[in-house]
Amino acid sequence: MALFDPLKELNLSRPDQAKEVTCVHFSGKGIAAIHPHFQHFVNVDELWLSNNKLKRIDNLFPLDYGNNDCDIADRCHGKGCPRLRSLYLSNNRITTLSGDLRHLRFVEILLLANNKLSNMEIVSKFLRHLQFLKQLDLFGNPLAEEQNYREYFIQHHPSVQILDRAYVTDEERKKAKMLFGTTTTIDVAPHVSFGRTLSEKDRVLPDKVDLLSTSVKRLESQATAIKARNAKKIRDEQQQEVQRLKKQMEDRKNQKPPPPPGMYEPIVAKVLEQRKAAVAEQVQKEFHEKLMALLISQHERDIIQQLYENDRCIGLDDCQAIVDMLGVSDDNDTHESDLQRLIPEGELTPPAFLDLLANWRPLCEKKLEELYAAAQEAVLKGRRSEGRQLHQSINFLNEHIQTLSAA
């Protein structure tokens, strides 16, 4: 199987044209390995490779990149992606971070959710050099199930501000320090004094001395007295609380007995079920509105509503005309069989027909192709914000199509 060639995909006839590209979107392309031609994108700072089949992060740099004999050659030939700051690799099959990640020094966003990374200590070592890393996503990997996983990465990567789509709080940093914080140690290196190396005999530690001054001792004495007063205050408050509870218990004896256990459980369960149903309905409504906005424009929906107002139903011939207006395909026989399957009763109201179109795979796939083309054009023309929005719409529609396939 041929590798996915980014130069060919972007219609770049010469490798040097890749130097003009700063943002690349290749999500959901079924890429199994990174093509060496990615090394020509020397100025790219944002790379989207999510929803593919990658197992490793390599071929972003030449094999001998960073060797002493190759540094000058690398700079002259302009190969590699050292300026990468945002790397999106979620929903792949990555099992290891060994490879070209070690050459990326300026990465600020690294999303690796839903891969196959295990052993948080090994993964953490591969990320130690990313001093500018601010957002890290490892959700859905086997290592995320390890005990104290979140605290481990918070402690060992203090620059990270967002971990697994959640901001790191001060309380989490304190807990992480308690679990994994260690006393700073100093390596015992050869000591040099006045141009000569000190021997073990010269490096004799002095006798133990008292490091506490009189002022510090006085402060410690005052602190001890304050602790004693606070302890007495706490004991008094506890005794008062005990007296209050005793009085409360005596008052309850004179009150009516509480209702039998479980008396209100059916009511509470019913209320909770209603709230759950309302939330689910709202989520479904928002999902449907977003999906309809992607598949059928407001202008096209208005046309359908105007043509079939006054409660007039849409028949099979009308459905065929609407599908032709949407321009899904030229295969009328396939359309007719699909529409007969969608409309078993022979006719539907306009709202019901629009709902069925939202779950019609040919229309979804046509719109997905249009979104891919628009995203590629936005990237080539440097409209980065528009490219991100289109990429989000592509992921949303991809998930919907996968749901239809599974059904």
Protein backbone atom coordinates (compact mmCIF):
# COMPACT_ATOMS: atom_id res chain seq x y z
CA MET A 1 0.00 0.00 0.00
CA ALA A 2 1.44 3.38 -1.04
CA LEU A 3 2.22 5.97 1.64
CA PHE A 4 0.06 9.07 1.87
CA ASP A 5 2.08 11.80 0.09
CA PRO A 6 1.35 15.30 1.50
CA LEU A 7 2.92 17.06 -1.51
CA LYS A 8 0.62 15.21 -3.89
CA GLU A 9 -2.42 15.77 -1.67
CA LEU A 10 -1.81 19.54 -1.60
CA ASN A 11 -0.98 19.66 -5.34
CA LEU A 12 2.56 20.93 -4.72
CA SER A 13 4.69 20.24 -7.79
CA ARG A 14 8.01 21.08 -6.09
CA PRO A 15 9.18 20.26 -2.55
CA ASP A 16 10.37 23.84 -1.94
CA GLN A 17 6.74 25.03 -2.20
CA ALA A 18 6.05 23.26 1.10
CA LYS A 19 8.08 25.96 2.88
CA GLU A 20 5.14 28.34 2.50
CA VAL A 21 2.76 26.07 4.46
CA THR A 22 2.39 26.71 8.20
CA CYS A 23 -0.69 24.61 9.02
CA VAL A 24 -1.54 21.12 7.69
CA HIS A 25 -4.86 19.25 8.16
CA PHE A 26 -4.77 15.54 7.25
CA SER A 27 -7.25 14.08 9.74
CA GLY A 28 -9.38 11.08 8.84
CA LYS A 29 -7.31 10.13 5.79
CA GLY A 30 -6.54 6.54 6.84
CA ILE A 31 -2.81 7.33 7.09
CA ALA A 32 -0.87 4.32 8.43
CA ALA A 33 2.63 5.87 8.35
CA ILE A 34 4.09 9.36 7.96
CA HIS A 35 5.60 10.01 4.52
CA PRO A 36 9.21 11.35 4.42
CA HIS A 37 7.94 14.27 2.31
CA PHE A 38 6.62 15.77 5.55
CA GLN A 39 10.25 16.81 6.14
CA HIS A 40 9.86 19.50 3.47
CA PHE A 41 7.30 21.40 5.59
CA VAL A 42 10.03 23.20 7.52
CA ASN A 43 7.84 26.14 8.60
CA VAL A 44 4.76 24.21 9.69
CA ASP A 45 3.78 24.96 13.28
CA GLU A 46 0.42 23.16 13.40
CA LEU A 47 -0.07 19.56 12.23
CA TRP A 48 -3.40 17.66 12.36
CA LEU A 49 -3.09 13.88 11.94
CA SER A 50 -5.93 12.69 14.16
CA ASN A 51 -8.39 9.93 13.24
CA ASN A 52 -5.82 7.91 11.26
CA LYS A 53 -3.95 4.60 11.75
CA LEU A 54 -0.51 5.83 12.85
CA LYS A 55 1.57 3.65 15.17
CA ARG A 56 4.70 5.83 15.49
CA ILE A 57 5.77 9.46 15.22
CA ASP A 58 8.59 9.40 12.69
CA ASN A 59 9.70 10.74 9.28
CA LEU A 60 9.27 14.33 10.47
CA PHE A 61 13.09 14.65 10.43
CA PRO A 62 15.92 12.96 8.49
CA LEU A 63 17.26 9.80 10.09
CA ASP A 64 20.60 11.46 10.95
CA TYR A 65 19.06 14.72 12.11
CA GLY A 66 20.96 16.21 15.03
CA ASN A 67 24.19 14.26 14.49
CA ASN A 68 27.31 16.38 14.59
CA ASP A 69 28.14 15.40 11.02
CA CYS A 70 24.68 16.25 9.79
CA ASP A 71 23.75 19.54 11.47
CA ILE A 72 25.06 21.77 8.69
CA ALA A 73 23.61 19.54 5.97
CA ASP A 74 20.21 19.60 7.66
CA ARG A 75 20.15 23.38 7.75
CA CYS A 76 21.35 23.70 4.17
CA HIS A 77 18.80 21.28 2.75
CA GLY A 78 16.05 22.68 5.01
CA LYS A 79 14.55 19.37 6.10
CA GLY A 80 12.60 18.65 9.26
CA CYS A 81 9.76 20.24 11.22
CA PRO A 82 11.52 21.90 14.17
CA ARG A 83 8.99 24.74 14.44
CA LEU A 84 6.03 22.52 15.34
CA ARG A 85 4.07 23.94 18.25
CA SER A 86 0.75 22.12 17.93
CA LEU A 87 0.56 18.38 17.20
CA TYR A 88 -2.85 16.65 17.00
CA LEU A 89 -2.59 12.83 17.03
CA SER A 90 -5.76 11.67 18.79
CA ASN A 91 -7.64 8.54 17.68
CA ASN A 92 -4.67 6.66 16.18
CA ARG A 93 -2.87 3.44 17.13
CA ILE A 94 0.33 4.90 18.60
CA THR A 95 2.07 2.50 20.99
CA THR A 96 5.36 4.37 21.60
CA LEU A 97 6.69 7.93 21.64
CA SER A 98 10.17 6.92 20.55
CA GLY A 99 11.07 8.47 17.23
CA ASP A 100 11.05 12.07 16.06
CA LEU A 101 9.25 13.49 19.08
CA ARG A 102 12.67 13.94 20.70
CA HIS A 103 13.57 16.60 18.09
CA LEU A 104 10.48 18.72 18.79
CA ARG A 105 11.53 21.23 21.43
CA PHE A 106 8.85 23.91 21.13
CA VAL A 107 5.61 21.89 21.23
CA GLU A 108 2.93 23.63 23.30
CA ILE A 109 -0.10 21.47 22.41
CA LEU A 110 0.19 17.66 22.19
CA LEU A 111 -3.06 15.68 21.86
CA LEU A 112 -2.65 11.88 22.02
CA ALA A 113 -6.09 10.80 23.24
CA ASN A 114 -7.44 7.34 22.37
CA ASN A 115 -4.17 5.68 21.38
CA LYS A 116 -2.41 2.62 22.83
CA LEU A 117 0.20 4.18 25.10
CA SER A 118 0.96 2.27 28.30
CA ASN A 119 3.39 2.65 31.23
CA MET A 120 3.14 6.28 32.35
CA GLU A 121 6.78 6.38 33.54
CA ILE A 122 8.16 5.53 30.09
CA VAL A 123 5.79 7.95 28.34
CA SER A 124 6.72 10.68 30.81
CA LYS A 125 10.44 10.24 30.02
CA PHE A 126 9.75 10.84 26.33
CA LEU A 127 8.02 14.12 27.23
CA ARG A 128 10.62 15.50 29.67
CA HIS A 129 12.31 17.68 27.03
CA LEU A 130 9.07 19.54 26.16
CA GLN A 131 9.69 22.53 28.42
CA PHE A 132 7.00 24.66 26.72
CA LEU A 133 4.22 22.05 26.82
CA LYS A 134 0.97 23.67 28.01
CA GLN A 135 -1.77 21.27 26.88
CA LEU A 136 -1.45 17.47 27.02
CA ASP A 137 -4.20 14.93 26.31
CA LEU A 138 -3.63 11.22 27.06
CA PHE A 139 -7.26 10.35 27.74
CA GLY A 140 -8.34 6.92 26.50
CA ASN A 141 -4.85 5.36 26.65
CA PRO A 142 -4.15 2.33 28.88
CA LEU A 143 -1.77 4.41 31.02
CA ALA A 144 -4.66 6.71 31.99
CA GLU A 145 -6.09 3.80 34.03
CA GLU A 146 -2.96 3.54 36.21
CA GLN A 147 -3.20 4.61 39.84
CA ASN A 148 -2.49 8.34 40.48
CA TYR A 149 -1.93 8.85 36.75
CA ARG A 150 -3.06 12.48 36.69
CA GLU A 151 -1.01 13.48 39.75
CA TYR A 152 2.08 11.78 38.28
CA PHE A 153 2.02 13.84 35.09
CA ILE A 154 1.15 17.06 36.94
CA GLN A 155 4.22 16.65 39.16
CA HIS A 156 6.66 15.58 36.43
CA HIS A 157 5.47 18.12 33.82
CA PRO A 158 4.84 21.35 35.75
CA SER A 159 4.50 23.45 32.57
CA VAL A 160 1.26 21.63 31.61
CA GLN A 161 -1.79 23.80 32.32
CA ILE A 162 -4.47 21.61 30.70
CA LEU A 163 -4.31 17.82 31.17
CA ASP A 164 -6.92 15.60 29.50
CA ARG A 165 -9.18 18.59 28.65
CA ALA A 166 -9.28 19.81 32.28
CA TYR A 167 -7.32 22.71 33.80
CA VAL A 168 -4.76 21.78 36.44
CA THR A 169 -5.73 23.32 39.79
CA ASP A 170 -3.52 24.41 42.67
CA GLU A 171 -5.07 21.70 44.84
CA GLU A 172 -4.05 19.05 42.29
CA ARG A 173 -0.49 20.37 42.21
CA LYS A 174 -0.30 20.19 46.01
CA LYS A 175 -1.63 16.62 46.01
CA ALA A 176 0.79 15.64 43.22
CA LYS A 177 3.71 17.09 45.17
CA MET A 178 2.68 15.11 48.24
CA LEU A 179 2.49 11.88 46.24
CA PHE A 180 5.50 12.23 43.95
CA GLY A 181 7.52 15.20 45.19
CA THR A 182 11.09 14.32 46.17
CA THR A 183 13.79 16.24 47.99
CA THR A 184 16.11 17.97 45.58
CA THR A 185 19.46 16.22 45.49
CA ILE A 186 22.82 17.55 44.39
CA ASP A 187 25.18 15.34 42.47
CA VAL A 188 28.51 14.86 44.18
CA ALA A 189 30.85 16.10 41.46
CA PRO A 190 34.61 16.60 41.86
CA HIS A 191 35.18 19.85 43.75
CA VAL A 192 37.65 22.30 42.29
CA SER A 193 39.44 24.82 44.47
CA PHE A 194 42.09 27.27 43.30
CA GLY A 195 42.78 25.35 40.12
CA ARG A 196 43.06 21.88 41.67
CA THR A 197 40.61 19.05 42.32
CA LEU A 198 39.95 18.39 45.99
CA SER A 199 40.52 14.86 47.19
CA GLU A 200 38.16 12.93 49.46
CA LYS A 201 40.43 13.85 52.36
CA ASP A 202 40.11 17.54 51.58
CA ARG A 203 36.32 17.33 51.34
CA VAL A 204 35.74 16.55 55.03
CA LEU A 205 32.35 17.75 56.26
CA PRO A 206 32.46 20.06 59.30
CA ASP A 207 31.03 19.02 62.65
CA LYS A 208 27.31 19.32 63.04
CA VAL A 209 26.32 22.83 64.14
CA ASP A 210 23.10 24.32 65.44
CA LEU A 211 21.52 26.17 62.51
CA LEU A 212 18.73 27.75 64.60
CA SER A 213 19.30 31.28 65.82
CA THR A 214 17.88 32.70 69.04
CA SER A 215 15.14 34.51 67.10
CA VAL A 216 14.09 31.32 65.35
CA LYS A 217 13.98 29.45 68.65
CA ARG A 218 11.81 32.19 70.14
CA LEU A 219 9.46 32.00 67.17
CA GLU A 220 9.24 28.22 67.54
CA SER A 221 8.34 28.65 71.20
CA GLN A 222 5.61 31.12 70.30
CA ALA A 223 4.32 28.76 67.59
CA THR A 224 4.13 25.92 70.13
CA ALA A 225 2.11 28.12 72.50
CA ILE A 226 -0.26 29.11 69.67
CA LYS A 227 -0.75 25.44 68.74
CA ALA A 228 -1.61 24.64 72.36
CA ARG A 229 -4.19 27.46 72.50
CA ASN A 230 -5.69 26.32 69.20
CA ALA A 231 -5.89 22.74 70.46
CA LYS A 232 -7.75 23.92 73.59
CA LYS A 233 -10.12 25.97 71.43
CA ILE A 234 -10.83 22.94 69.25
CA ARG A 235 -11.54 20.77 72.33
CA ASP A 236 -13.96 23.39 73.67
CA GLU A 237 -15.75 23.59 70.32
CA GLN A 238 -16.01 19.81 70.19
CA GLN A 239 -17.57 19.72 73.67
CA GLN A 240 -20.05 22.41 72.66
CA GLU A 241 -20.93 20.42 69.56
CA VAL A 242 -21.52 17.29 71.67
CA GLN A 243 -23.86 19.25 73.98
CA ARG A 244 -25.72 20.66 70.96
CA LEU A 245 -26.19 17.18 69.48
CA LYS A 246 -27.45 15.81 72.81
CA LYS A 247 -30.01 18.60 73.02
CA GLN A 248 -31.01 18.01 69.41
CA MET A 249 -31.56 14.30 70.11
CA GLU A 250 -33.74 15.12 73.14
CA ASP A 251 -35.81 17.51 71.03
CA ARG A 252 -36.32 14.87 68.36
CA LYS A 253 -37.78 12.47 70.91
CA ASN A 254 -40.67 14.89 71.33
CA GLN A 255 -41.23 15.25 67.59
CA LYS A 256 -43.34 13.11 65.29
CA PRO A 257 -41.64 9.95 64.06
CA PRO A 258 -39.93 10.29 60.70
CA PRO A 259 -41.65 8.90 57.61
CA PRO A 260 -41.00 5.24 56.85
CA PRO A 261 -37.88 4.50 54.77
CA GLY A 262 -38.45 4.62 51.06
CA MET A 263 -41.62 6.67 51.28
CA TYR A 264 -40.33 9.35 48.94
CA GLU A 265 -38.08 7.16 46.80
CA PRO A 266 -40.63 6.71 43.96
CA ILE A 267 -41.20 10.48 43.78
CA VAL A 268 -37.47 11.23 43.77
CA ALA A 269 -36.85 8.55 41.14
CA LYS A 270 -39.61 9.98 38.95
CA VAL A 271 -38.22 13.52 39.22
CA LEU A 272 -34.70 12.33 38.43
CA GLU A 273 -35.98 10.36 35.44
CA GLN A 274 -37.83 13.42 34.14
CA ARG A 275 -34.72 15.57 34.48
CA LYS A 276 -32.62 12.94 32.76
CA ALA A 277 -35.11 12.71 29.91
CA ALA A 278 -35.22 16.50 29.56
CA VAL A 279 -31.42 16.71 29.40
CA ALA A 280 -31.26 13.89 26.85
CA GLU A 281 -33.93 15.58 24.75
CA GLN A 282 -32.06 18.90 24.83
CA VAL A 283 -28.79 17.21 23.85
CA GLN A 284 -30.52 15.38 21.00
CA LYS A 285 -32.15 18.61 19.84
CA GLU A 286 -28.83 20.49 19.78
CA PHE A 287 -27.17 17.58 17.96
CA HIS A 288 -29.96 17.48 15.35
CA GLU A 289 -29.84 21.26 14.79
CA LYS A 290 -26.07 21.18 14.31
CA LEU A 291 -26.33 18.20 11.93
CA MET A 292 -29.09 19.81 9.86
CA ALA A 293 -27.10 23.06 9.62
CA LEU A 294 -24.19 21.07 8.13
CA LEU A 295 -26.21 18.93 5.71
CA ILE A 296 -28.96 21.23 4.43
CA SER A 297 -28.68 25.00 4.21
CA GLN A 298 -31.37 27.22 5.70
CA HIS A 299 -32.28 28.37 2.19
CA GLU A 300 -32.88 24.78 1.04
CA ARG A 301 -34.97 24.03 4.14
CA ASP A 302 -37.10 27.13 3.56
CA ILE A 303 -37.72 26.02 -0.05
CA ILE A 304 -38.93 22.59 1.12
CA GLN A 305 -41.19 24.10 3.77
CA GLN A 306 -42.71 26.56 1.28
CA LEU A 307 -43.34 23.88 -1.37
CA TYR A 308 -45.08 21.56 1.05
CA GLU A 309 -46.86 23.87 3.47
CA ASN A 310 -50.48 23.55 4.62
CA ASP A 311 -49.78 20.04 5.99
CA ARG A 312 -49.15 18.60 2.54
CA CYS A 313 -47.14 15.36 2.68
CA ILE A 314 -44.10 14.55 0.59
CA GLY A 315 -44.40 11.56 -1.73
CA LEU A 316 -41.70 9.42 -3.35
CA ASP A 317 -41.57 11.56 -6.51
CA ASP A 318 -41.30 14.72 -4.43
CA CYS A 319 -38.48 13.15 -2.42
CA GLN A 320 -36.61 12.32 -5.63
CA ALA A 321 -36.95 15.95 -6.78
CA ILE A 322 -35.63 17.25 -3.44
CA VAL A 323 -32.65 14.86 -3.56
CA ASP A 324 -31.84 16.05 -7.08
CA MET A 325 -31.99 19.64 -5.82
CA LEU A 326 -29.48 18.76 -3.10
CA GLY A 327 -27.19 17.30 -5.82
CA VAL A 328 -26.23 14.14 -3.97
CA SER A 329 -25.62 11.88 -7.00
CA ASP A 330 -26.70 11.12 -10.55
CA ASP A 331 -27.64 7.49 -9.81
CA ASN A 332 -31.44 7.82 -9.80
CA ASP A 333 -32.05 4.06 -9.45
CA THR A 334 -29.98 3.94 -6.27
CA HIS A 335 -31.78 7.03 -4.96
CA GLU A 336 -35.19 5.55 -5.65
CA SER A 337 -34.39 2.31 -3.82
CA ASP A 338 -32.92 4.23 -0.88
CA LEU A 339 -35.92 6.57 -0.74
CA GLN A 340 -38.34 3.64 -0.85
CA ARG A 341 -36.50 2.21 2.12
CA LEU A 342 -36.59 5.59 3.91
CA ILE A 343 -40.31 6.12 3.18
CA PRO A 344 -41.98 2.73 3.62
CA GLU A 345 -45.46 4.30 3.95
CA GLY A 346 -45.09 6.21 0.67
CA GLU A 347 -45.25 9.76 2.08
CA LEU A 348 -44.02 11.90 4.97
CA THR A 349 -44.48 15.39 6.38
CA PRO A 350 -41.67 17.87 5.55
CA PRO A 351 -40.21 17.84 9.13
CA ALA A 352 -40.21 14.03 9.21
CA PHE A 353 -38.58 13.89 5.76
CA LEU A 354 -35.85 16.34 6.86
CA ASP A 355 -35.16 14.13 9.89
CA LEU A 356 -34.74 11.10 7.61
CA LEU A 357 -32.37 13.04 5.30
CA ALA A 358 -30.15 13.74 8.31
CA ASN A 359 -29.63 9.98 8.66
CA TRP A 360 -29.19 9.32 4.92
CA ARG A 361 -25.59 8.27 4.39
CA PRO A 362 -25.17 9.42 0.73
CA LEU A 363 -26.06 12.98 1.74
CA CYS A 364 -23.71 12.86 4.76
CA GLU A 365 -20.81 11.56 2.64
CA LYS A 366 -21.37 14.22 -0.02
CA LYS A 367 -21.27 16.97 2.59
CA LEU A 368 -18.13 15.41 4.13
CA GLU A 369 -16.32 15.62 0.78
CA GLU A 370 -17.31 19.28 0.47
CA LEU A 371 -15.99 20.02 3.97
CA TYR A 372 -12.65 18.29 3.18
CA ALA A 373 -12.27 20.39 0.03
CA ALA A 374 -13.13 23.61 1.86
CA ALA A 375 -10.70 22.80 4.70
CA GLN A 376 -7.88 22.09 2.24
CA GLU A 377 -8.54 25.37 0.42
CA ALA A 378 -8.59 27.30 3.73
CA VAL A 379 -5.23 25.80 4.76
CA LEU A 380 -3.60 26.59 1.43
CA LYS A 381 -4.81 30.18 1.57
CA GLY A 382 -3.69 30.68 5.18
CA ARG A 383 -7.17 30.98 6.73
CA ARG A 384 -6.19 29.12 9.86
CA SER A 385 -9.26 29.97 12.00
CA GLU A 386 -11.61 28.84 9.24
CA GLY A 387 -9.58 25.65 8.83
CA ARG A 388 -9.98 24.79 12.52
CA GLN A 389 -13.75 25.30 12.37
CA LEU A 390 -14.04 23.14 9.26
CA HIS A 391 -11.91 20.45 10.93
CA GLN A 392 -14.30 20.38 13.91
CA SER A 393 -17.25 19.99 11.53
CA ILE A 394 -15.42 17.16 9.72
CA ASN A 395 -14.87 15.27 12.99
CA PHE A 396 -18.51 15.79 13.99
CA LEU A 397 -19.83 14.49 10.65
CA ASN A 398 -17.32 11.60 10.64
CA GLU A 399 -18.61 10.40 14.02
CA HIS A 400 -22.21 10.61 12.75
CA ILE A 401 -21.36 8.54 9.63
CA GLN A 402 -19.59 5.93 11.79
CA THR A 403 -22.72 5.73 13.95
CA LEU A 404 -24.86 5.17 10.87
CA SER A 405 -22.48 2.41 9.67
CA ALA A 406 -22.60 0.67 13.05
CA ALA A 407 -26.38 0.81 13.04
